[in-house]
């Protein structure tokens, strides 16, 4: 009986190994495993969207750029905090911002993080607590890059911007198949917040909330500041009044615990037998 099974198995083995597709698959599989991570990283880098800010007064563009950069640094700090918690790196500098896991990081936290050296300084501080088994930190890619505004577009009349921007938003329709399209263009008119509240947004496709929300946040703050100034409030006081935000404490499962794991507060009172 065993002899017959072996004969059938050997026949099947010879039949499979005699197929050209079998050997082709053996050659392709290692190549796919090697190329896969590289292709994934290249695809991820393409997610960074290109933005142009056309600011007639020259004030709002800097605030929008700062907002986008702050949001990016906040994502880095949040990911770094989870990374430190997951791999027990908090012990390196227990008082560091990235060693705190019980709240959302506000703009002041992000400013402190950046002033202290940002990601490079944080990784250097964590190094004494890392081991050979600690994986490398994978920092979030920037969602946006703000491109310089060409002088011709910066000087263009508002009514001429459609014609000026269309080749940048849809270069393929103008014969340039290799150029990367501009994802967003924003025009903030002169006197925004005082004389007008109209802003124009061009997009190569349906605008994403991850861009529209920070844009609206900055412009809303500028408009409210201008209104409060018109009532007699000093500009510094008006800006402080429009930038007040609550501090929100957050409780989440430790990394890897999942929805059925232990929910720990900052004192790590756990009922489940896991390490917080």
C-alpha atoms as a PDB file:
ATOM      1  CA  UNK A   1       0.000   0.000   0.000  1.00  0.00           C
ATOM      2  CA  UNK A   2       2.763   2.416   1.017  1.00  0.00           C
ATOM      3  CA  UNK A   3       4.688   1.453  -2.120  1.00  0.00           C
ATOM      4  CA  UNK A   4       1.720   2.391  -4.332  1.00  0.00           C
ATOM      5  CA  UNK A   5       1.335   5.751  -2.582  1.00  0.00           C
ATOM      6  CA  UNK A   6       5.011   6.512  -3.148  1.00  0.00           C
ATOM      7  CA  UNK A   7       4.715   5.578  -6.823  1.00  0.00           C
ATOM      8  CA  UNK A   8       1.748   7.932  -7.283  1.00  0.00           C
ATOM      9  CA  UNK A   9       3.546  10.710  -5.392  1.00  0.00           C
ATOM     10  CA  UNK A  10       6.693  10.321  -7.499  1.00  0.00           C
ATOM     11  CA  UNK A  11       4.656  10.381 -10.699  1.00  0.00           C
ATOM     12  CA  UNK A  12       2.882  13.574  -9.594  1.00  0.00           C
ATOM     13  CA  UNK A  13       6.209  15.132  -8.589  1.00  0.00           C
ATOM     14  CA  UNK A  14       7.786  14.345 -11.981  1.00  0.00           C
ATOM     15  CA  UNK A  15       4.725  15.676 -13.774  1.00  0.00           C
ATOM     16  CA  UNK A  16       4.736  18.973 -11.825  1.00  0.00           C
ATOM     17  CA  UNK A  17       8.481  19.561 -12.067  1.00  0.00           C
ATOM     18  CA  UNK A  18       8.328  18.831 -15.762  1.00  0.00           C
ATOM     19  CA  UNK A  19       6.037  21.804 -16.335  1.00  0.00           C
ATOM     20  CA  UNK A  20       7.633  25.037 -17.565  1.00  0.00           C
ATOM     21  CA  UNK A  21       5.244  27.137 -15.443  1.00  0.00           C
ATOM     22  CA  UNK A  22       6.559  25.489 -12.257  1.00  0.00           C
ATOM     23  CA  UNK A  23      10.135  26.625 -12.868  1.00  0.00           C
ATOM     24  CA  UNK A  24       8.966  30.047 -14.064  1.00  0.00           C
ATOM     25  CA  UNK A  25       7.072  30.514 -10.806  1.00  0.00           C
ATOM     26  CA  UNK A  26      10.176  29.564  -8.813  1.00  0.00           C
ATOM     27  CA  UNK A  27      12.138  32.258 -10.641  1.00  0.00           C
ATOM     28  CA  UNK A  28       9.457  34.954 -10.351  1.00  0.00           C
ATOM     29  CA  UNK A  29       8.642  34.473  -6.656  1.00  0.00           C
ATOM     30  CA  UNK A  30      12.019  35.659  -5.230  1.00  0.00           C
ATOM     31  CA  UNK A  31      11.985  38.599  -7.643  1.00  0.00           C
ATOM     32  CA  UNK A  32       8.468  39.578  -6.512  1.00  0.00           C
ATOM     33  CA  UNK A  33       9.484  39.357  -2.856  1.00  0.00           C
ATOM     34  CA  UNK A  34      12.455  41.636  -3.510  1.00  0.00           C
ATOM     35  CA  UNK A  35      10.629  44.177  -5.680  1.00  0.00           C
ATOM     36  CA  UNK A  36       7.431  44.292  -3.609  1.00  0.00           C
ATOM     37  CA  UNK A  37       8.720  46.452  -0.711  1.00  0.00           C
ATOM     38  CA  UNK A  38      10.480  48.817  -3.137  1.00  0.00           C
ATOM     39  CA  UNK A  39       7.345  49.236  -5.242  1.00  0.00           C
ATOM     40  CA  UNK A  40       5.276  49.791  -2.111  1.00  0.00           C
ATOM     41  CA  UNK A  41       7.613  52.543  -0.916  1.00  0.00           C
ATOM     42  CA  UNK A  42       7.591  54.225  -4.328  1.00  0.00           C
ATOM     43  CA  UNK A  43       3.805  54.082  -4.421  1.00  0.00           C
ATOM     44  CA  UNK A  44       3.611  55.544  -0.940  1.00  0.00           C
ATOM     45  CA  UNK A  45       5.888  58.449  -1.863  1.00  0.00           C
ATOM     46  CA  UNK A  46       3.544  59.308  -4.742  1.00  0.00           C
ATOM     47  CA  UNK A  47       0.801  60.010  -2.190  1.00  0.00           C
ATOM     48  CA  UNK A  48       2.484  63.311  -1.322  1.00  0.00           C
ATOM     49  CA  UNK A  49       0.275  65.889  -3.008  1.00  0.00           C
ATOM     50  CA  UNK A  50       1.526  69.062  -4.675  1.00  0.00           C
ATOM     51  CA  UNK A  51       0.046  72.384  -3.554  1.00  0.00           C
ATOM     52  CA  UNK A  52       0.391  75.950  -4.867  1.00  0.00           C
ATOM     53  CA  UNK A  53      -0.671  78.920  -2.737  1.00  0.00           C
ATOM     54  CA  UNK A  54      -1.467  82.213  -4.505  1.00  0.00           C
ATOM     55  CA  UNK A  55      -1.722  84.839  -1.782  1.00  0.00           C
ATOM     56  CA  UNK A  56      -2.360  88.399  -2.905  1.00  0.00           C
ATOM     57  CA  UNK A  57      -1.567  89.881   0.527  1.00  0.00           C
ATOM     58  CA  UNK A  58       1.301  87.493   1.289  1.00  0.00           C
ATOM     59  CA  UNK A  59       0.071  86.604   4.789  1.00  0.00           C
ATOM     60  CA  UNK A  60      -2.252  83.598   4.597  1.00  0.00           C
ATOM     61  CA  UNK A  61       0.140  81.382   2.606  1.00  0.00           C
ATOM     62  CA  UNK A  62       2.669  81.261   5.441  1.00  0.00           C
ATOM     63  CA  UNK A  63      -0.057  80.304   7.926  1.00  0.00           C
ATOM     64  CA  UNK A  64      -1.390  77.546   5.639  1.00  0.00           C
ATOM     65  CA  UNK A  65       2.124  76.177   5.083  1.00  0.00           C
ATOM     66  CA  UNK A  66       2.734  76.195   8.841  1.00  0.00           C
ATOM     67  CA  UNK A  67      -0.589  74.406   9.442  1.00  0.00           C
ATOM     68  CA  UNK A  68       0.251  71.624   6.994  1.00  0.00           C
ATOM     69  CA  UNK A  69       3.724  71.222   8.494  1.00  0.00           C
ATOM     70  CA  UNK A  70       2.342  71.164  12.042  1.00  0.00           C
ATOM     71  CA  UNK A  71      -0.181  68.478  11.104  1.00  0.00           C
ATOM     72  CA  UNK A  72       2.594  66.396   9.552  1.00  0.00           C
ATOM     73  CA  UNK A  73       4.807  66.733  12.637  1.00  0.00           C
ATOM     74  CA  UNK A  74       1.814  65.782  14.808  1.00  0.00           C
ATOM     75  CA  UNK A  75       1.395  62.553  12.838  1.00  0.00           C
ATOM     76  CA  UNK A  76       5.090  61.817  13.322  1.00  0.00           C
ATOM     77  CA  UNK A  77       4.869  62.494  17.063  1.00  0.00           C
ATOM     78  CA  UNK A  78       1.742  60.340  17.431  1.00  0.00           C
ATOM     79  CA  UNK A  79       3.307  57.450  15.489  1.00  0.00           C
ATOM     80  CA  UNK A  80       6.503  57.840  17.523  1.00  0.00           C
ATOM     81  CA  UNK A  81       4.528  57.664  20.769  1.00  0.00           C
ATOM     82  CA  UNK A  82       2.864  54.406  19.709  1.00  0.00           C
ATOM     83  CA  UNK A  83       6.236  53.043  18.548  1.00  0.00           C
ATOM     84  CA  UNK A  84       7.843  53.849  21.900  1.00  0.00           C
ATOM     85  CA  UNK A  85       4.939  52.284  23.782  1.00  0.00           C
ATOM     86  CA  UNK A  86       4.909  49.132  21.674  1.00  0.00           C
ATOM     87  CA  UNK A  87       8.627  48.415  22.040  1.00  0.00           C
ATOM     88  CA  UNK A  88       9.142  49.627  25.618  1.00  0.00           C
ATOM     89  CA  UNK A  89      11.302  52.622  24.702  1.00  0.00           C
ATOM     90  CA  UNK A  90       9.679  54.996  27.202  1.00  0.00           C
ATOM     91  CA  UNK A  91      12.267  54.066  29.806  1.00  0.00           C
ATOM     92  CA  UNK A  92      14.941  55.904  27.812  1.00  0.00           C
ATOM     93  CA  UNK A  93      13.439  59.335  28.655  1.00  0.00           C
ATOM     94  CA  UNK A  94      10.258  58.845  30.735  1.00  0.00           C
ATOM     95  CA  UNK A  95       9.398  62.544  30.671  1.00  0.00           C
ATOM     96  CA  UNK A  96       9.648  62.975  26.909  1.00  0.00           C
ATOM     97  CA  UNK A  97       6.603  63.962  24.871  1.00  0.00           C
ATOM     98  CA  UNK A  98       6.762  60.739  22.877  1.00  0.00           C
ATOM     99  CA  UNK A  99       6.648  58.808  26.182  1.00  0.00           C
ATOM    100  CA  UNK A 100       3.143  60.169  26.892  1.00  0.00           C
ATOM    101  CA  UNK A 101       0.243  58.128  25.555  1.00  0.00           C
ATOM    102  CA  UNK A 102      -2.857  59.419  27.343  1.00  0.00           C
ATOM    103  CA  UNK A 103      -3.774  62.517  25.319  1.00  0.00           C
ATOM    104  CA  UNK A 104      -3.915  64.079  21.901  1.00  0.00           C
ATOM    105  CA  UNK A 105      -0.920  66.207  20.996  1.00  0.00           C
ATOM    106  CA  UNK A 106      -1.830  69.876  20.558  1.00  0.00           C
ATOM    107  CA  UNK A 107      -0.038  72.512  18.529  1.00  0.00           C
ATOM    108  CA  UNK A 108       2.005  73.581  21.564  1.00  0.00           C
ATOM    109  CA  UNK A 109       3.196  69.980  22.017  1.00  0.00           C
ATOM    110  CA  UNK A 110       4.177  69.776  18.363  1.00  0.00           C
ATOM    111  CA  UNK A 111       6.072  73.076  18.611  1.00  0.00           C
ATOM    112  CA  UNK A 112       7.962  71.766  21.659  1.00  0.00           C
ATOM    113  CA  UNK A 113       8.738  68.514  19.816  1.00  0.00           C
ATOM    114  CA  UNK A 114      10.100  70.361  16.772  1.00  0.00           C
ATOM    115  CA  UNK A 115      12.085  72.843  18.880  1.00  0.00           C
ATOM    116  CA  UNK A 116      13.727  69.942  20.731  1.00  0.00           C
ATOM    117  CA  UNK A 117      15.051  68.537  17.452  1.00  0.00           C
ATOM    118  CA  UNK A 118      12.032  66.629  16.160  1.00  0.00           C
ATOM    119  CA  UNK A 119      12.290  63.070  14.924  1.00  0.00           C
ATOM    120  CA  UNK A 120      16.121  62.792  14.722  1.00  0.00           C
ATOM    121  CA  UNK A 121      16.546  63.946  18.334  1.00  0.00           C
ATOM    122  CA  UNK A 122      13.763  61.635  19.553  1.00  0.00           C
ATOM    123  CA  UNK A 123      15.249  58.573  17.846  1.00  0.00           C
ATOM    124  CA  UNK A 124      18.669  59.419  19.279  1.00  0.00           C
ATOM    125  CA  UNK A 125      17.154  59.656  22.775  1.00  0.00           C
ATOM    126  CA  UNK A 126      15.436  56.269  22.337  1.00  0.00           C
ATOM    127  CA  UNK A 127      18.579  54.511  21.151  1.00  0.00           C
ATOM    128  CA  UNK A 128      19.829  53.367  24.609  1.00  0.00           C
ATOM    129  CA  UNK A 129      16.552  51.477  25.146  1.00  0.00           C
ATOM    130  CA  UNK A 130      16.533  49.736  21.749  1.00  0.00           C
ATOM    131  CA  UNK A 131      17.739  46.197  21.123  1.00  0.00           C
ATOM    132  CA  UNK A 132      18.767  44.254  18.058  1.00  0.00           C
ATOM    133  CA  UNK A 133      15.134  43.089  17.775  1.00  0.00           C
ATOM    134  CA  UNK A 134      13.639  46.597  17.811  1.00  0.00           C
ATOM    135  CA  UNK A 135      12.399  47.368  14.277  1.00  0.00           C
ATOM    136  CA  UNK A 136      13.274  50.605  12.556  1.00  0.00           C
ATOM    137  CA  UNK A 137      10.768  53.423  12.980  1.00  0.00           C
ATOM    138  CA  UNK A 138       8.847  54.079   9.767  1.00  0.00           C
ATOM    139  CA  UNK A 139       7.957  57.780   9.793  1.00  0.00           C
ATOM    140  CA  UNK A 140       4.723  58.871   8.081  1.00  0.00           C
ATOM    141  CA  UNK A 141       5.220  60.491   4.703  1.00  0.00           C
ATOM    142  CA  UNK A 142       4.250  64.133   4.280  1.00  0.00           C
ATOM    143  CA  UNK A 143       0.761  64.478   2.836  1.00  0.00           C
ATOM    144  CA  UNK A 144       1.599  67.718   1.033  1.00  0.00           C
ATOM    145  CA  UNK A 145       4.464  69.692  -0.433  1.00  0.00           C
ATOM    146  CA  UNK A 146       3.967  73.402  -1.132  1.00  0.00           C
ATOM    147  CA  UNK A 147       5.491  74.413  -4.462  1.00  0.00           C
ATOM    148  CA  UNK A 148       6.849  77.887  -5.257  1.00  0.00           C
ATOM    149  CA  UNK A 149       4.340  80.108  -7.036  1.00  0.00           C
ATOM    150  CA  UNK A 150       5.655  81.187 -10.466  1.00  0.00           C
ATOM    151  CA  UNK A 151       5.901  85.005 -10.752  1.00  0.00           C
ATOM    152  CA  UNK A 152       3.562  85.038 -13.766  1.00  0.00           C
ATOM    153  CA  UNK A 153       0.824  83.328 -11.721  1.00  0.00           C
ATOM    154  CA  UNK A 154       1.489  85.445  -8.638  1.00  0.00           C
ATOM    155  CA  UNK A 155       1.017  88.608 -10.736  1.00  0.00           C
ATOM    156  CA  UNK A 156      -1.929  87.324 -12.777  1.00  0.00           C
ATOM    157  CA  UNK A 157      -5.345  88.936 -12.485  1.00  0.00           C
ATOM    158  CA  UNK A 158      -7.941  86.737 -10.711  1.00  0.00           C
ATOM    159  CA  UNK A 159      -9.874  86.244 -13.948  1.00  0.00           C
ATOM    160  CA  UNK A 160      -6.765  84.903 -15.720  1.00  0.00           C
ATOM    161  CA  UNK A 161      -5.936  82.221 -13.160  1.00  0.00           C
ATOM    162  CA  UNK A 162      -8.147  79.535 -14.731  1.00  0.00           C
ATOM    163  CA  UNK A 163      -6.156  79.648 -17.962  1.00  0.00           C
ATOM    164  CA  UNK A 164      -2.828  79.883 -16.108  1.00  0.00           C
ATOM    165  CA  UNK A 165      -3.491  76.926 -13.817  1.00  0.00           C
ATOM    166  CA  UNK A 166      -5.185  74.451 -16.145  1.00  0.00           C
ATOM    167  CA  UNK A 167      -1.916  73.265 -17.796  1.00  0.00           C
ATOM    168  CA  UNK A 168      -0.486  72.624 -14.323  1.00  0.00           C
ATOM    169  CA  UNK A 169      -3.548  70.757 -13.042  1.00  0.00           C
ATOM    170  CA  UNK A 170      -3.995  68.692 -16.213  1.00  0.00           C
ATOM    171  CA  UNK A 171      -0.621  68.623 -18.023  1.00  0.00           C
ATOM    172  CA  UNK A 172      -1.563  65.521 -20.000  1.00  0.00           C
ATOM    173  CA  UNK A 173      -4.255  67.443 -21.869  1.00  0.00           C
ATOM    174  CA  UNK A 174      -1.622  69.946 -22.992  1.00  0.00           C
ATOM    175  CA  UNK A 175       0.785  67.378 -24.386  1.00  0.00           C
ATOM    176  CA  UNK A 176       3.074  66.960 -21.378  1.00  0.00           C
ATOM    177  CA  UNK A 177       2.554  63.307 -20.450  1.00  0.00           C
ATOM    178  CA  UNK A 178       5.542  63.111 -18.091  1.00  0.00           C
ATOM    179  CA  UNK A 179       4.851  66.141 -15.860  1.00  0.00           C
ATOM    180  CA  UNK A 180       3.379  65.556 -12.441  1.00  0.00           C
ATOM    181  CA  UNK A 181       0.046  67.355 -12.111  1.00  0.00           C
ATOM    182  CA  UNK A 182      -0.572  69.995  -9.506  1.00  0.00           C
ATOM    183  CA  UNK A 183      -3.060  68.564  -7.000  1.00  0.00           C
ATOM    184  CA  UNK A 184      -4.297  71.820  -5.468  1.00  0.00           C
ATOM    185  CA  UNK A 185      -4.076  75.538  -6.131  1.00  0.00           C
ATOM    186  CA  UNK A 186      -5.513  78.075  -3.688  1.00  0.00           C
ATOM    187  CA  UNK A 187      -6.109  81.751  -4.370  1.00  0.00           C
ATOM    188  CA  UNK A 188      -6.524  84.059  -1.353  1.00  0.00           C
ATOM    189  CA  UNK A 189      -7.578  87.515  -2.628  1.00  0.00           C
ATOM    190  CA  UNK A 190      -6.307  90.823  -1.374  1.00  0.00           C
ATOM    191  CA  UNK A 191      -8.183  92.001   1.707  1.00  0.00           C
ATOM    192  CA  UNK A 192      -9.340  88.524   2.724  1.00  0.00           C
ATOM    193  CA  UNK A 193     -11.137  88.599   6.069  1.00  0.00           C
ATOM    194  CA  UNK A 194     -11.709  92.368   5.897  1.00  0.00           C
ATOM    195  CA  UNK A 195     -13.020  93.198   2.435  1.00  0.00           C
ATOM    196  CA  UNK A 196     -13.959  89.726   1.212  1.00  0.00           C
ATOM    197  CA  UNK A 197     -14.448  86.158   2.436  1.00  0.00           C
ATOM    198  CA  UNK A 198     -14.161  84.522  -0.998  1.00  0.00           C
ATOM    199  CA  UNK A 199     -11.347  82.039  -1.629  1.00  0.00           C
ATOM    200  CA  UNK A 200     -10.869  79.906  -4.746  1.00  0.00           C
ATOM    201  CA  UNK A 201      -9.665  76.317  -4.762  1.00  0.00           C
ATOM    202  CA  UNK A 202      -8.642  74.381  -7.870  1.00  0.00           C
ATOM    203  CA  UNK A 203      -8.167  70.628  -7.633  1.00  0.00           C
ATOM    204  CA  UNK A 204      -7.081  67.970 -10.108  1.00  0.00           C
ATOM    205  CA  UNK A 205      -9.772  65.674  -8.662  1.00  0.00           C
ATOM    206  CA  UNK A 206     -12.333  65.643  -5.856  1.00  0.00           C
ATOM    207  CA  UNK A 207     -10.731  67.614  -2.971  1.00  0.00           C
ATOM    208  CA  UNK A 208      -9.777  65.525   0.057  1.00  0.00           C
ATOM    209  CA  UNK A 209     -10.819  66.382   3.595  1.00  0.00           C
ATOM    210  CA  UNK A 210      -7.196  66.091   4.738  1.00  0.00           C
ATOM    211  CA  UNK A 211      -6.447  69.255   2.730  1.00  0.00           C
ATOM    212  CA  UNK A 212      -9.746  71.132   2.883  1.00  0.00           C
ATOM    213  CA  UNK A 213     -10.029  70.921   6.682  1.00  0.00           C
ATOM    214  CA  UNK A 214      -6.635  72.489   7.574  1.00  0.00           C
ATOM    215  CA  UNK A 215      -7.138  75.075   4.816  1.00  0.00           C
ATOM    216  CA  UNK A 216     -10.537  75.989   6.228  1.00  0.00           C
ATOM    217  CA  UNK A 217      -9.154  76.061   9.772  1.00  0.00           C
ATOM    218  CA  UNK A 218      -6.503  78.649   8.867  1.00  0.00           C
ATOM    219  CA  UNK A 219      -8.808  80.816   6.787  1.00  0.00           C
ATOM    220  CA  UNK A 220     -11.571  80.681   9.396  1.00  0.00           C
ATOM    221  CA  UNK A 221      -9.132  81.801  12.071  1.00  0.00           C
ATOM    222  CA  UNK A 222      -7.937  84.684   9.872  1.00  0.00           C
ATOM    223  CA  UNK A 223     -11.498  85.759   9.147  1.00  0.00           C
ATOM    224  CA  UNK A 224     -12.543  85.635  12.805  1.00  0.00           C
ATOM    225  CA  UNK A 225      -9.408  87.486  13.852  1.00  0.00           C
ATOM    226  CA  UNK A 226     -10.202  90.233  11.342  1.00  0.00           C
ATOM    227  CA  UNK A 227     -13.757  90.451  12.674  1.00  0.00           C
ATOM    228  CA  UNK A 228     -12.633  90.700  16.306  1.00  0.00           C
ATOM    229  CA  UNK A 229     -10.121  93.372  15.330  1.00  0.00           C
ATOM    230  CA  UNK A 230     -12.918  95.343  13.710  1.00  0.00           C
ATOM    231  CA  UNK A 231     -14.727  95.366  17.073  1.00  0.00           C
ATOM    232  CA  UNK A 232     -11.734  97.038  18.727  1.00  0.00           C
ATOM    233  CA  UNK A 233      -9.885  93.970  20.082  1.00  0.00           C
ATOM    234  CA  UNK A 234      -6.094  94.037  19.663  1.00  0.00           C
ATOM    235  CA  UNK A 235      -4.809  91.685  16.948  1.00  0.00           C
ATOM    236  CA  UNK A 236      -2.746  89.555  19.354  1.00  0.00           C
ATOM    237  CA  UNK A 237      -5.759  89.120  21.635  1.00  0.00           C
ATOM    238  CA  UNK A 238      -8.013  88.370  18.685  1.00  0.00           C
ATOM    239  CA  UNK A 239      -5.643  85.656  17.417  1.00  0.00           C
ATOM    240  CA  UNK A 240      -5.395  84.080  20.872  1.00  0.00           C
ATOM    241  CA  UNK A 241      -9.184  84.065  21.157  1.00  0.00           C
ATOM    242  CA  UNK A 242      -9.564  82.257  17.830  1.00  0.00           C
ATOM    243  CA  UNK A 243      -6.863  79.663  18.569  1.00  0.00           C
ATOM    244  CA  UNK A 244      -8.155  78.371  21.905  1.00  0.00           C
ATOM    245  CA  UNK A 245      -8.716  74.602  21.850  1.00  0.00           C
ATOM    246  CA  UNK A 246      -9.606  72.045  24.554  1.00  0.00           C
ATOM    247  CA  UNK A 247      -7.123  69.482  25.897  1.00  0.00           C
ATOM    248  CA  UNK A 248      -8.514  65.991  25.279  1.00  0.00           C
ATOM    249  CA  UNK A 249      -7.367  63.002  27.331  1.00  0.00           C
ATOM    250  CA  UNK A 250      -7.373  59.738  25.376  1.00  0.00           C
ATOM    251  CA  UNK A 251      -7.575  56.102  26.502  1.00  0.00           C
ATOM    252  CA  UNK A 252      -6.675  53.411  23.964  1.00  0.00           C
ATOM    253  CA  UNK A 253      -5.602  49.742  24.104  1.00  0.00           C
ATOM    254  CA  UNK A 254      -1.816  49.304  24.201  1.00  0.00           C
ATOM    255  CA  UNK A 255      -0.309  48.489  20.788  1.00  0.00           C
ATOM    256  CA  UNK A 256      -1.022  44.887  19.865  1.00  0.00           C
ATOM    257  CA  UNK A 257      -3.777  44.391  22.451  1.00  0.00           C
ATOM    258  CA  UNK A 258      -6.649  45.121  20.067  1.00  0.00           C
ATOM    259  CA  UNK A 259     -10.283  45.638  20.941  1.00  0.00           C
ATOM    260  CA  UNK A 260     -10.353  42.616  23.258  1.00  0.00           C
ATOM    261  CA  UNK A 261      -7.126  43.503  25.031  1.00  0.00           C
ATOM    262  CA  UNK A 262      -6.534  45.429  28.204  1.00  0.00           C
ATOM    263  CA  UNK A 263      -7.529  49.085  28.327  1.00  0.00           C
ATOM    264  CA  UNK A 264      -4.933  50.839  30.440  1.00  0.00           C
ATOM    265  CA  UNK A 265      -4.932  54.298  31.918  1.00  0.00           C
ATOM    266  CA  UNK A 266      -1.749  56.230  32.578  1.00  0.00           C
ATOM    267  CA  UNK A 267      -1.158  54.256  35.833  1.00  0.00           C
ATOM    268  CA  UNK A 268      -1.441  51.004  33.884  1.00  0.00           C
ATOM    269  CA  UNK A 269      -4.134  49.310  35.944  1.00  0.00           C
ATOM    270  CA  UNK A 270      -4.741  46.167  33.952  1.00  0.00           C
ATOM    271  CA  UNK A 271      -7.087  43.287  34.616  1.00  0.00           C
ATOM    272  CA  UNK A 272      -5.749  41.198  31.754  1.00  0.00           C
ATOM    273  CA  UNK A 273      -2.389  39.420  32.113  1.00  0.00           C
ATOM    274  CA  UNK A 274      -0.461  41.558  29.651  1.00  0.00           C
ATOM    275  CA  UNK A 275       2.375  43.992  30.019  1.00  0.00           C
ATOM    276  CA  UNK A 276       1.419  47.647  29.527  1.00  0.00           C
END
